Amino acid sequence: HQAWQNGQLRNGSLMANGIAVQDAAKHFAREDGFCIGLHCTLHA
């Protein structure tokens, strides 16, 4: 979020099974100007 707001980051790849995915939704789910992708995660 910081690297997007204050820098040149424009895309974020989201882990559906990550430990903080609910927290990510609070910050990014309805944000405009930032592109979300699904980071398909089958390994830990």
PDB file of all heavy atoms in Angstrom:
ATOM      1  N   HIS A   1       0.837  -1.206   0.000  1.00  0.00           N
ATOM      2  CA  HIS A   1       0.000   0.000   0.000  1.00  0.00           C
ATOM      3  C   HIS A   1       0.867   1.250   0.000  1.00  0.00           C
ATOM      4  O   HIS A   1       0.607   2.210  -0.745  1.00  0.00           O
ATOM      5  CB  HIS A   1      -0.928  -0.009   1.215  1.00  0.00           C
ATOM      6  CG  HIS A   1      -2.052   0.971   1.121  1.00  0.00           C
ATOM      7  ND1 HIS A   1      -1.940   2.279   1.549  1.00  0.00           N
ATOM      8  CD2 HIS A   1      -3.317   0.845   0.629  1.00  0.00           C
ATOM      9  CE1 HIS A   1      -3.082   2.908   1.338  1.00  0.00           C
ATOM     10  NE2 HIS A   1      -3.937   2.069   0.773  1.00  0.00           N
ATOM     11  N   GLN A   2       1.910   1.262   0.800  1.00  0.00           N
ATOM     12  CA  GLN A   2       2.812   2.408   0.861  1.00  0.00           C
ATOM     13  C   GLN A   2       3.535   2.614  -0.465  1.00  0.00           C
ATOM     14  O   GLN A   2       3.665   3.748  -0.949  1.00  0.00           O
ATOM     15  CB  GLN A   2       3.827   2.218   1.988  1.00  0.00           C
ATOM     16  CG  GLN A   2       4.758   3.401   2.199  1.00  0.00           C
ATOM     17  CD  GLN A   2       5.845   3.096   3.203  1.00  0.00           C
ATOM     18  OE1 GLN A   2       6.897   2.568   2.864  1.00  0.00           O
ATOM     19  NE2 GLN A   2       5.583   3.405   4.476  1.00  0.00           N
ATOM     20  N   ALA A   3       4.020   1.517  -1.069  1.00  0.00           N
ATOM     21  CA  ALA A   3       4.764   1.624  -2.323  1.00  0.00           C
ATOM     22  C   ALA A   3       3.871   2.072  -3.476  1.00  0.00           C
ATOM     23  O   ALA A   3       4.359   2.639  -4.461  1.00  0.00           O
ATOM     24  CB  ALA A   3       5.426   0.288  -2.655  1.00  0.00           C
ATOM     25  N   TRP A   4       2.583   1.817  -3.357  1.00  0.00           N
ATOM     26  CA  TRP A   4       1.631   2.332  -4.338  1.00  0.00           C
ATOM     27  C   TRP A   4       1.336   3.803  -4.091  1.00  0.00           C
ATOM     28  O   TRP A   4       1.434   4.643  -4.995  1.00  0.00           O
ATOM     29  CB  TRP A   4       0.352   1.507  -4.302  1.00  0.00           C
ATOM     30  CG  TRP A   4      -0.811   2.137  -5.038  1.00  0.00           C
ATOM     31  CD1 TRP A   4      -0.779   2.688  -6.296  1.00  0.00           C
ATOM     32  CD2 TRP A   4      -2.143   2.282  -4.565  1.00  0.00           C
ATOM     33  NE1 TRP A   4      -2.026   3.157  -6.632  1.00  0.00           N
ATOM     34  CE2 TRP A   4      -2.883   2.928  -5.589  1.00  0.00           C
ATOM     35  CE3 TRP A   4      -2.790   1.926  -3.389  1.00  0.00           C
ATOM     36  CZ2 TRP A   4      -4.237   3.215  -5.457  1.00  0.00           C
ATOM     37  CZ3 TRP A   4      -4.134   2.203  -3.264  1.00  0.00           C
ATOM     38  CH2 TRP A   4      -4.851   2.845  -4.283  1.00  0.00           C
ATOM     39  N   GLN A   5       0.990   4.144  -2.855  1.00  0.00           N
ATOM     40  CA  GLN A   5       0.595   5.509  -2.537  1.00  0.00           C
ATOM     41  C   GLN A   5       1.745   6.500  -2.710  1.00  0.00           C
ATOM     42  O   GLN A   5       1.529   7.639  -3.144  1.00  0.00           O
ATOM     43  CB  GLN A   5       0.068   5.582  -1.100  1.00  0.00           C
ATOM     44  CG  GLN A   5      -1.251   4.871  -0.882  1.00  0.00           C
ATOM     45  CD  GLN A   5      -2.422   5.619  -1.485  1.00  0.00           C
ATOM     46  OE1 GLN A   5      -2.714   6.749  -1.120  1.00  0.00           O
ATOM     47  NE2 GLN A   5      -3.091   4.989  -2.440  1.00  0.00           N
ATOM     48  N   ASN A   6       2.951   6.078  -2.379  1.00  0.00           N
ATOM     49  CA  ASN A   6       4.091   6.993  -2.363  1.00  0.00           C
ATOM     50  C   ASN A   6       5.122   6.710  -3.449  1.00  0.00           C
ATOM     51  O   ASN A   6       6.159   7.380  -3.492  1.00  0.00           O
ATOM     52  CB  ASN A   6       4.801   6.940  -1.000  1.00  0.00           C
ATOM     53  CG  ASN A   6       3.875   7.283   0.149  1.00  0.00           C
ATOM     54  OD1 ASN A   6       2.938   8.063  -0.004  1.00  0.00           O
ATOM     55  ND2 ASN A   6       4.125   6.689   1.306  1.00  0.00           N
ATOM     56  N   GLY A   7       4.861   5.712  -4.286  1.00  0.00           N
ATOM     57  CA  GLY A   7       5.888   5.323  -5.244  1.00  0.00           C
ATOM     58  C   GLY A   7       5.335   4.850  -6.568  1.00  0.00           C
ATOM     59  O   GLY A   7       4.248   5.247  -6.985  1.00  0.00           O
ATOM     60  N   GLN A   8       6.063   3.951  -7.202  1.00  0.00           N
ATOM     61  CA  GLN A   8       5.784   3.554  -8.576  1.00  0.00           C
ATOM     62  C   GLN A   8       5.111   2.186  -8.696  1.00  0.00           C
ATOM     63  O   GLN A   8       4.989   1.660  -9.804  1.00  0.00           O
ATOM     64  CB  GLN A   8       7.104   3.523  -9.363  1.00  0.00           C
ATOM     65  CG  GLN A   8       7.834   4.848  -9.420  1.00  0.00           C
ATOM     66  CD  GLN A   8       7.136   5.865 -10.312  1.00  0.00           C
ATOM     67  OE1 GLN A   8       6.312   5.507 -11.137  1.00  0.00           O
ATOM     68  NE2 GLN A   8       7.450   7.132 -10.145  1.00  0.00           N
ATOM     69  N   LEU A   9       4.668   1.606  -7.601  1.00  0.00           N
ATOM     70  CA  LEU A   9       4.024   0.292  -7.659  1.00  0.00           C
ATOM     71  C   LEU A   9       2.590   0.442  -8.155  1.00  0.00           C
ATOM     72  O   LEU A   9       1.843   1.290  -7.658  1.00  0.00           O
ATOM     73  CB  LEU A   9       4.037  -0.363  -6.278  1.00  0.00           C
ATOM     74  CG  LEU A   9       3.573  -1.820  -6.212  1.00  0.00           C
ATOM     75  CD1 LEU A   9       4.461  -2.722  -7.053  1.00  0.00           C
ATOM     76  CD2 LEU A   9       3.546  -2.309  -4.771  1.00  0.00           C
ATOM     77  N   ARG A  10       2.198  -0.405  -9.114  1.00  0.00           N
ATOM     78  CA  ARG A  10       0.880  -0.263  -9.734  1.00  0.00           C
ATOM     79  C   ARG A  10       0.031  -1.534  -9.697  1.00  0.00           C
ATOM     80  O   ARG A  10      -1.166  -1.477 -10.014  1.00  0.00           O
ATOM     81  CB  ARG A  10       1.048   0.163 -11.201  1.00  0.00           C
ATOM     82  CG  ARG A  10       1.740   1.515 -11.384  1.00  0.00           C
ATOM     83  CD  ARG A  10       0.862   2.656 -10.923  1.00  0.00           C
ATOM     84  NE  ARG A  10       1.501   3.949 -11.124  1.00  0.00           N
ATOM     85  CZ  ARG A  10       2.211   4.591 -10.208  1.00  0.00           C
ATOM     86  NH1 ARG A  10       2.364   4.057  -9.001  1.00  0.00           N
ATOM     87  NH2 ARG A  10       2.750   5.763 -10.467  1.00  0.00           N
ATOM     88  N   ASN A  11       0.629  -2.685  -9.326  1.00  0.00           N
ATOM     89  CA  ASN A  11      -0.095  -3.957  -9.358  1.00  0.00           C
ATOM     90  C   ASN A  11       0.247  -4.779  -8.120  1.00  0.00           C
ATOM     91  O   ASN A  11       1.381  -4.751  -7.636  1.00  0.00           O
ATOM     92  CB  ASN A  11       0.288  -4.763 -10.601  1.00  0.00           C
ATOM     93  CG  ASN A  11       0.098  -3.994 -11.891  1.00  0.00           C
ATOM     94  OD1 ASN A  11      -0.979  -4.017 -12.488  1.00  0.00           O
ATOM     95  ND2 ASN A  11       1.149  -3.307 -12.344  1.00  0.00           N
ATOM     96  N   GLY A  12      -0.731  -5.536  -7.633  1.00  0.00           N
ATOM     97  CA  GLY A  12      -0.505  -6.413  -6.499  1.00  0.00           C
ATOM     98  C   GLY A  12      -1.092  -7.786  -6.748  1.00  0.00           C
ATOM     99  O   GLY A  12      -2.265  -7.908  -7.151  1.00  0.00           O
ATOM    100  N   SER A  13      -0.292  -8.828  -6.540  1.00  0.00           N
ATOM    101  CA  SER A  13      -0.744 -10.204  -6.743  1.00  0.00           C
ATOM    102  C   SER A  13      -1.156 -10.805  -5.407  1.00  0.00           C
ATOM    103  O   SER A  13      -0.335 -10.950  -4.502  1.00  0.00           O
ATOM    104  CB  SER A  13       0.375 -11.028  -7.395  1.00  0.00           C
ATOM    105  OG  SER A  13       0.638 -10.551  -8.697  1.00  0.00           O
ATOM    106  N   LEU A  14      -2.420 -11.166  -5.302  1.00  0.00           N
ATOM    107  CA  LEU A  14      -3.076 -11.488  -4.034  1.00  0.00           C
ATOM    108  C   LEU A  14      -3.139 -12.985  -3.784  1.00  0.00           C
ATOM    109  O   LEU A  14      -3.606 -13.757  -4.633  1.00  0.00           O
ATOM    110  CB  LEU A  14      -4.490 -10.910  -4.058  1.00  0.00           C
ATOM    111  CG  LEU A  14      -5.381 -11.180  -2.856  1.00  0.00           C
ATOM    112  CD1 LEU A  14      -4.893 -10.398  -1.637  1.00  0.00           C
ATOM    113  CD2 LEU A  14      -6.831 -10.795  -3.189  1.00  0.00           C
ATOM    114  N   MET A  15      -2.697 -13.400  -2.579  1.00  0.00           N
ATOM    115  CA  MET A  15      -2.766 -14.791  -2.156  1.00  0.00           C
ATOM    116  C   MET A  15      -4.099 -15.029  -1.436  1.00  0.00           C
ATOM    117  O   MET A  15      -4.313 -14.532  -0.329  1.00  0.00           O
ATOM    118  CB  MET A  15      -1.603 -15.111  -1.213  1.00  0.00           C
ATOM    119  CG  MET A  15      -0.235 -14.909  -1.833  1.00  0.00           C
ATOM    120  SD  MET A  15       1.112 -15.107  -0.630  1.00  0.00           S
ATOM    121  CE  MET A  15       1.037 -16.879  -0.340  1.00  0.00           C
ATOM    122  N   ALA A  16      -4.977 -15.812  -2.063  1.00  0.00           N
ATOM    123  CA  ALA A  16      -6.292 -16.069  -1.472  1.00  0.00           C
ATOM    124  C   ALA A  16      -6.184 -16.809  -0.152  1.00  0.00           C
ATOM    125  O   ALA A  16      -7.031 -16.650   0.742  1.00  0.00           O
ATOM    126  CB  ALA A  16      -7.152 -16.871  -2.444  1.00  0.00           C
ATOM    127  N   ASN A  17      -5.144 -17.635   0.000  1.00  0.00           N
ATOM    128  CA  ASN A  17      -4.974 -18.433   1.208  1.00  0.00           C
ATOM    129  C   ASN A  17      -3.897 -17.863   2.124  1.00  0.00           C
ATOM    130  O   ASN A  17      -3.409 -18.552   3.025  1.00  0.00           O
ATOM    131  CB  ASN A  17      -4.656 -19.889   0.853  1.00  0.00           C
ATOM    132  CG  ASN A  17      -3.542 -20.013  -0.190  1.00  0.00           C
ATOM    133  OD1 ASN A  17      -3.097 -19.028  -0.758  1.00  0.00           O
ATOM    134  ND2 ASN A  17      -3.100 -21.234  -0.435  1.00  0.00           N
ATOM    135  N   GLY A  18      -3.537 -16.610   1.918  1.00  0.00           N
ATOM    136  CA  GLY A  18      -2.572 -15.966   2.794  1.00  0.00           C
ATOM    137  C   GLY A  18      -3.161 -15.648   4.152  1.00  0.00           C
ATOM    138  O   GLY A  18      -4.381 -15.483   4.298  1.00  0.00           O
ATOM    139  N   ILE A  19      -2.292 -15.503   5.151  1.00  0.00           N
ATOM    140  CA  ILE A  19      -2.770 -15.280   6.518  1.00  0.00           C
ATOM    141  C   ILE A  19      -3.401 -13.907   6.711  1.00  0.00           C
ATOM    142  O   ILE A  19      -4.149 -13.685   7.671  1.00  0.00           O
ATOM    143  CB  ILE A  19      -1.617 -15.454   7.534  1.00  0.00           C
ATOM    144  CG1 ILE A  19      -0.515 -14.422   7.268  1.00  0.00           C
ATOM    145  CG2 ILE A  19      -1.065 -16.869   7.489  1.00  0.00           C
ATOM    146  CD1 ILE A  19       0.566 -14.395   8.330  1.00  0.00           C
ATOM    147  N   ALA A  20      -3.123 -12.975   5.800  1.00  0.00           N
ATOM    148  CA  ALA A  20      -3.613 -11.602   5.958  1.00  0.00           C
ATOM    149  C   ALA A  20      -4.497 -11.171   4.796  1.00  0.00           C
ATOM    150  O   ALA A  20      -4.594  -9.981   4.495  1.00  0.00           O
ATOM    151  CB  ALA A  20      -2.433 -10.646   6.118  1.00  0.00           C
ATOM    152  N   VAL A  21      -5.171 -12.117   4.151  1.00  0.00           N
ATOM    153  CA  VAL A  21      -5.986 -11.759   3.002  1.00  0.00           C
ATOM    154  C   VAL A  21      -7.199 -10.927   3.413  1.00  0.00           C
ATOM    155  O   VAL A  21      -7.628 -10.015   2.680  1.00  0.00           O
ATOM    156  CB  VAL A  21      -6.413 -13.023   2.217  1.00  0.00           C
ATOM    157  CG1 VAL A  21      -7.361 -13.894   3.043  1.00  0.00           C
ATOM    158  CG2 VAL A  21      -7.019 -12.652   0.875  1.00  0.00           C
ATOM    159  N   GLN A  22      -7.753 -11.185   4.577  1.00  0.00           N
ATOM    160  CA  GLN A  22      -8.874 -10.366   5.057  1.00  0.00           C
ATOM    161  C   GLN A  22      -8.427  -8.928   5.283  1.00  0.00           C
ATOM    162  O   GLN A  22      -9.144  -7.973   4.966  1.00  0.00           O
ATOM    163  CB  GLN A  22      -9.432 -10.960   6.359  1.00  0.00           C
ATOM    164  CG  GLN A  22     -10.024 -12.346   6.224  1.00  0.00           C
ATOM    165  CD  GLN A  22     -11.457 -12.330   5.748  1.00  0.00           C
ATOM    166  OE1 GLN A  22     -12.080 -11.279   5.644  1.00  0.00           O
ATOM    167  NE2 GLN A  22     -11.995 -13.510   5.449  1.00  0.00           N
ATOM    168  N   ASP A  23      -7.247  -8.760   5.834  1.00  0.00           N
ATOM    169  CA  ASP A  23      -6.691  -7.423   6.036  1.00  0.00           C
ATOM    170  C   ASP A  23      -6.447  -6.737   4.698  1.00  0.00           C
ATOM    171  O   ASP A  23      -6.692  -5.535   4.555  1.00  0.00           O
ATOM    172  CB  ASP A  23      -5.389  -7.519   6.828  1.00  0.00           C
ATOM    173  CG  ASP A  23      -4.737  -6.174   7.080  1.00  0.00           C
ATOM    174  OD1 ASP A  23      -5.281  -5.406   7.893  1.00  0.00           O
ATOM    175  OD2 ASP A  23      -3.683  -5.902   6.467  1.00  0.00           O
ATOM    176  N   ALA A  24      -5.965  -7.497   3.701  1.00  0.00           N
ATOM    177  CA  ALA A  24      -5.739  -6.923   2.375  1.00  0.00           C
ATOM    178  C   ALA A  24      -7.034  -6.389   1.781  1.00  0.00           C
ATOM    179  O   ALA A  24      -7.044  -5.353   1.112  1.00  0.00           O
ATOM    180  CB  ALA A  24      -5.118  -7.968   1.451  1.00  0.00           C
ATOM    181  N   ALA A  25      -8.138  -7.084   2.037  1.00  0.00           N
ATOM    182  CA  ALA A  25      -9.427  -6.649   1.512  1.00  0.00           C
ATOM    183  C   ALA A  25      -9.813  -5.284   2.059  1.00  0.00           C
ATOM    184  O   ALA A  25     -10.392  -4.450   1.351  1.00  0.00           O
ATOM    185  CB  ALA A  25     -10.506  -7.682   1.838  1.00  0.00           C
ATOM    186  N   LYS A  26      -9.485  -5.026   3.317  1.00  0.00           N
ATOM    187  CA  LYS A  26      -9.809  -3.732   3.918  1.00  0.00           C
ATOM    188  C   LYS A  26      -9.084  -2.590   3.225  1.00  0.00           C
ATOM    189  O   LYS A  26      -9.591  -1.476   3.119  1.00  0.00           O
ATOM    190  CB  LYS A  26      -9.439  -3.742   5.404  1.00  0.00           C
ATOM    191  CG  LYS A  26     -10.217  -4.738   6.243  1.00  0.00           C
ATOM    192  CD  LYS A  26      -9.721  -4.731   7.680  1.00  0.00           C
ATOM    193  CE  LYS A  26     -10.409  -5.791   8.514  1.00  0.00           C
ATOM    194  NZ  LYS A  26      -9.888  -5.829   9.909  1.00  0.00           N
ATOM    195  N   HIS A  27      -7.875  -2.856   2.750  1.00  0.00           N
ATOM    196  CA  HIS A  27      -7.041  -1.805   2.165  1.00  0.00           C
ATOM    197  C   HIS A  27      -7.189  -1.685   0.651  1.00  0.00           C
ATOM    198  O   HIS A  27      -6.986  -0.603   0.095  1.00  0.00           O
ATOM    199  CB  HIS A  27      -5.569  -2.069   2.489  1.00  0.00           C
ATOM    200  CG  HIS A  27      -5.240  -1.997   3.941  1.00  0.00           C
ATOM    201  ND1 HIS A  27      -5.226  -0.813   4.640  1.00  0.00           N
ATOM    202  CD2 HIS A  27      -4.919  -2.964   4.835  1.00  0.00           C
ATOM    203  CE1 HIS A  27      -4.899  -1.047   5.899  1.00  0.00           C
ATOM    204  NE2 HIS A  27      -4.719  -2.352   6.043  1.00  0.00           N
ATOM    205  N   PHE A  28      -7.530  -2.792  -0.030  1.00  0.00           N
ATOM    206  CA  PHE A  28      -7.419  -2.794  -1.488  1.00  0.00           C
ATOM    207  C   PHE A  28      -8.676  -3.180  -2.251  1.00  0.00           C
ATOM    208  O   PHE A  28      -8.762  -2.887  -3.447  1.00  0.00           O
ATOM    209  CB  PHE A  28      -6.303  -3.765  -1.916  1.00  0.00           C
ATOM    210  CG  PHE A  28      -4.915  -3.309  -1.584  1.00  0.00           C
ATOM    211  CD1 PHE A  28      -4.286  -3.771  -0.436  1.00  0.00           C
ATOM    212  CD2 PHE A  28      -4.230  -2.439  -2.411  1.00  0.00           C
ATOM    213  CE1 PHE A  28      -2.993  -3.376  -0.117  1.00  0.00           C
ATOM    214  CE2 PHE A  28      -2.950  -2.027  -2.114  1.00  0.00           C
ATOM    215  CZ  PHE A  28      -2.320  -2.489  -0.971  1.00  0.00           C
ATOM    216  N   ALA A  29      -9.633  -3.846  -1.635  1.00  0.00           N
ATOM    217  CA  ALA A  29     -10.721  -4.463  -2.402  1.00  0.00           C
ATOM    218  C   ALA A  29     -11.499  -3.453  -3.233  1.00  0.00           C
ATOM    219  O   ALA A  29     -11.956  -3.771  -4.334  1.00  0.00           O
ATOM    220  CB  ALA A  29     -11.661  -5.226  -1.473  1.00  0.00           C
ATOM    221  N   ARG A  30     -11.637  -2.229  -2.738  1.00  0.00           N
ATOM    222  CA  ARG A  30     -12.447  -1.240  -3.458  1.00  0.00           C
ATOM    223  C   ARG A  30     -11.639  -0.001  -3.841  1.00  0.00           C
ATOM    224  O   ARG A  30     -12.197   1.072  -4.047  1.00  0.00           O
ATOM    225  CB  ARG A  30     -13.664  -0.874  -2.615  1.00  0.00           C
ATOM    226  CG  ARG A  30     -14.653  -2.037  -2.505  1.00  0.00           C
ATOM    227  CD  ARG A  30     -15.754  -1.807  -1.500  1.00  0.00           C
ATOM    228  NE  ARG A  30     -16.677  -2.943  -1.487  1.00  0.00           N
ATOM    229  CZ  ARG A  30     -16.460  -4.069  -0.823  1.00  0.00           C
ATOM    230  NH1 ARG A  30     -15.352  -4.214  -0.114  1.00  0.00           N
ATOM    231  NH2 ARG A  30     -17.334  -5.054  -0.870  1.00  0.00           N
ATOM    232  N   GLU A  31     -10.337  -0.174  -3.947  1.00  0.00           N
ATOM    233  CA  GLU A  31      -9.470   0.933  -4.346  1.00  0.00           C
ATOM    234  C   GLU A  31      -9.430   1.055  -5.872  1.00  0.00           C
ATOM    235  O   GLU A  31      -9.374   0.058  -6.585  1.00  0.00           O
ATOM    236  CB  GLU A  31      -8.038   0.717  -3.829  1.00  0.00           C
ATOM    237  CG  GLU A  31      -7.879   0.915  -2.331  1.00  0.00           C
ATOM    238  CD  GLU A  31      -7.814   2.382  -1.939  1.00  0.00           C
ATOM    239  OE1 GLU A  31      -8.099   3.243  -2.793  1.00  0.00           O
ATOM    240  OE2 GLU A  31      -7.485   2.664  -0.775  1.00  0.00           O
ATOM    241  N   ASP A  32      -9.469   2.286  -6.347  1.00  0.00           N
ATOM    242  CA  ASP A  32      -9.288   2.542  -7.766  1.00  0.00           C
ATOM    243  C   ASP A  32      -7.822   2.897  -8.022  1.00  0.00           C
ATOM    244  O   ASP A  32      -7.126   3.409  -7.154  1.00  0.00           O
ATOM    245  CB  ASP A  32     -10.175   3.710  -8.217  1.00  0.00           C
ATOM    246  CG  ASP A  32     -11.650   3.367  -8.155  1.00  0.00           C
ATOM    247  OD1 ASP A  32     -11.989   2.205  -8.427  1.00  0.00           O
ATOM    248  OD2 ASP A  32     -12.452   4.270  -7.834  1.00  0.00           O
ATOM    249  N   GLY A  33      -7.364   2.607  -9.209  1.00  0.00           N
ATOM    250  CA  GLY A  33      -6.016   3.003  -9.580  1.00  0.00           C
ATOM    251  C   GLY A  33      -4.940   1.998  -9.246  1.00  0.00           C
ATOM    252  O   GLY A  33      -3.762   2.239  -9.519  1.00  0.00           O
ATOM    253  N   PHE A  34      -5.318   0.880  -8.647  1.00  0.00           N
ATOM    254  CA  PHE A  34      -4.369  -0.179  -8.323  1.00  0.00           C
ATOM    255  C   PHE A  34      -4.942  -1.477  -8.858  1.00  0.00           C
ATOM    256  O   PHE A  34      -6.093  -1.822  -8.584  1.00  0.00           O
ATOM    257  CB  PHE A  34      -4.142  -0.275  -6.813  1.00  0.00           C
ATOM    258  CG  PHE A  34      -3.011  -1.179  -6.417  1.00  0.00           C
ATOM    259  CD1 PHE A  34      -1.695  -0.757  -6.539  1.00  0.00           C
ATOM    260  CD2 PHE A  34      -3.256  -2.449  -5.915  1.00  0.00           C
ATOM    261  CE1 PHE A  34      -0.640  -1.584  -6.178  1.00  0.00           C
ATOM    262  CE2 PHE A  34      -2.210  -3.284  -5.540  1.00  0.00           C
ATOM    263  CZ  PHE A  34      -0.898  -2.846  -5.675  1.00  0.00           C
ATOM    264  N   CYS A  35      -4.153  -2.217  -9.629  1.00  0.00           N
ATOM    265  CA  CYS A  35      -4.633  -3.425 -10.290  1.00  0.00           C
ATOM    266  C   CYS A  35      -4.319  -4.657  -9.451  1.00  0.00           C
ATOM    267  O   CYS A  35      -3.163  -4.883  -9.083  1.00  0.00           O
ATOM    268  CB  CYS A  35      -3.989  -3.543 -11.672  1.00  0.00           C
ATOM    269  SG  CYS A  35      -4.636  -4.896 -12.671  1.00  0.00           S
ATOM    270  N   ILE A  36      -5.341  -5.445  -9.187  1.00  0.00           N
ATOM    271  CA  ILE A  36      -5.202  -6.664  -8.395  1.00  0.00           C
ATOM    272  C   ILE A  36      -5.197  -7.885  -9.309  1.00  0.00           C
ATOM    273  O   ILE A  36      -5.996  -7.993 -10.240  1.00  0.00           O
ATOM    274  CB  ILE A  36      -6.359  -6.797  -7.381  1.00  0.00           C
ATOM    275  CG1 ILE A  36      -6.258  -5.713  -6.315  1.00  0.00           C
ATOM    276  CG2 ILE A  36      -6.365  -8.190  -6.737  1.00  0.00           C
ATOM    277  CD1 ILE A  36      -5.073  -5.876  -5.366  1.00  0.00           C
ATOM    278  N   GLY A  37      -4.288  -8.790  -9.025  1.00  0.00           N
ATOM    279  CA  GLY A  37      -4.269 -10.077  -9.703  1.00  0.00           C
ATOM    280  C   GLY A  37      -4.367 -11.197  -8.686  1.00  0.00           C
ATOM    281  O   GLY A  37      -4.096 -11.006  -7.498  1.00  0.00           O
ATOM    282  N   LEU A  38      -4.748 -12.369  -9.140  1.00  0.00           N
ATOM    283  CA  LEU A  38      -4.782 -13.550  -8.276  1.00  0.00           C
ATOM    284  C   LEU A  38      -3.426 -14.237  -8.328  1.00  0.00           C
ATOM    285  O   LEU A  38      -2.975 -14.651  -9.398  1.00  0.00           O
ATOM    286  CB  LEU A  38      -5.881 -14.513  -8.724  1.00  0.00           C
ATOM    287  CG  LEU A  38      -5.962 -15.831  -7.933  1.00  0.00           C
ATOM    288  CD1 LEU A  38      -6.343 -15.567  -6.476  1.00  0.00           C
ATOM    289  CD2 LEU A  38      -6.950 -16.792  -8.584  1.00  0.00           C
ATOM    290  N   HIS A  39      -2.781 -14.347  -7.179  1.00  0.00           N
ATOM    291  CA  HIS A  39      -1.488 -15.022  -7.075  1.00  0.00           C
ATOM    292  C   HIS A  39      -1.771 -16.473  -6.705  1.00  0.00           C
ATOM    293  O   HIS A  39      -1.853 -16.831  -5.527  1.00  0.00           O
ATOM    294  CB  HIS A  39      -0.642 -14.338  -6.005  1.00  0.00           C
ATOM    295  CG  HIS A  39       0.823 -14.655  -6.064  1.00  0.00           C
ATOM    296  ND1 HIS A  39       1.541 -14.655  -7.234  1.00  0.00           N
ATOM    297  CD2 HIS A  39       1.702 -14.972  -5.076  1.00  0.00           C
ATOM    298  CE1 HIS A  39       2.807 -14.942  -6.968  1.00  0.00           C
ATOM    299  NE2 HIS A  39       2.925 -15.160  -5.676  1.00  0.00           N
ATOM    300  N   CYS A  40      -1.979 -17.302  -7.703  1.00  0.00           N
ATOM    301  CA  CYS A  40      -2.398 -18.688  -7.485  1.00  0.00           C
ATOM    302  C   CYS A  40      -1.324 -19.421  -6.686  1.00  0.00           C
ATOM    303  O   CYS A  40      -0.199 -19.602  -7.162  1.00  0.00           O
ATOM    304  CB  CYS A  40      -2.627 -19.375  -8.824  1.00  0.00           C
ATOM    305  SG  CYS A  40      -3.902 -18.584  -9.836  1.00  0.00           S
ATOM    306  N   THR A  41      -1.689 -19.857  -5.490  1.00  0.00           N
ATOM    307  CA  THR A  41      -0.704 -20.346  -4.526  1.00  0.00           C
ATOM    308  C   THR A  41      -0.990 -21.786  -4.153  1.00  0.00           C
ATOM    309  O   THR A  41      -1.970 -22.095  -3.473  1.00  0.00           O
ATOM    310  CB  THR A  41      -0.706 -19.452  -3.267  1.00  0.00           C
ATOM    311  OG1 THR A  41      -0.437 -18.106  -3.650  1.00  0.00           O
ATOM    312  CG2 THR A  41       0.341 -19.922  -2.267  1.00  0.00           C
ATOM    313  N   LEU A  42      -0.083 -22.678  -4.589  1.00  0.00           N
ATOM    314  CA  LEU A  42      -0.234 -24.101  -4.316  1.00  0.00           C
ATOM    315  C   LEU A  42       0.956 -24.666  -3.552  1.00  0.00           C
ATOM    316  O   LEU A  42       1.076 -25.888  -3.406  1.00  0.00           O
ATOM    317  CB  LEU A  42      -0.420 -24.870  -5.627  1.00  0.00           C
ATOM    318  CG  LEU A  42      -1.655 -24.489  -6.460  1.00  0.00           C
ATOM    319  CD1 LEU A  42      -1.715 -25.340  -7.718  1.00  0.00           C
ATOM    320  CD2 LEU A  42      -2.934 -24.633  -5.644  1.00  0.00           C
ATOM    321  N   HIS A  43       1.820 -23.775  -3.054  1.00  0.00           N
ATOM    322  CA  HIS A  43       2.987 -24.215  -2.282  1.00  0.00           C
ATOM    323  C   HIS A  43       3.243 -23.241  -1.138  1.00  0.00           C
ATOM    324  O   HIS A  43       2.918 -22.055  -1.230  1.00  0.00           O
ATOM    325  CB  HIS A  43       4.223 -24.323  -3.175  1.00  0.00           C
ATOM    326  CG  HIS A  43       4.081 -25.369  -4.234  1.00  0.00           C
ATOM    327  ND1 HIS A  43       3.514 -25.097  -5.469  1.00  0.00           N
ATOM    328  CD2 HIS A  43       4.379 -26.695  -4.221  1.00  0.00           C
ATOM    329  CE1 HIS A  43       3.475 -26.215  -6.174  1.00  0.00           C
ATOM    330  NE2 HIS A  43       3.993 -27.193  -5.447  1.00  0.00           N
ATOM    331  N   ALA A  44       3.801 -23.767  -0.065  1.00  0.00           N
ATOM    332  CA  ALA A  44       4.113 -22.976   1.134  1.00  0.00           C
ATOM    333  C   ALA A  44       5.565 -23.241   1.498  1.00  0.00           C
ATOM    334  O   ALA A  44       5.893 -24.295   2.049  1.00  0.00           O
ATOM    335  CB  ALA A  44       3.179 -23.358   2.281  1.00  0.00           C
TER     336      ALA A  44
END
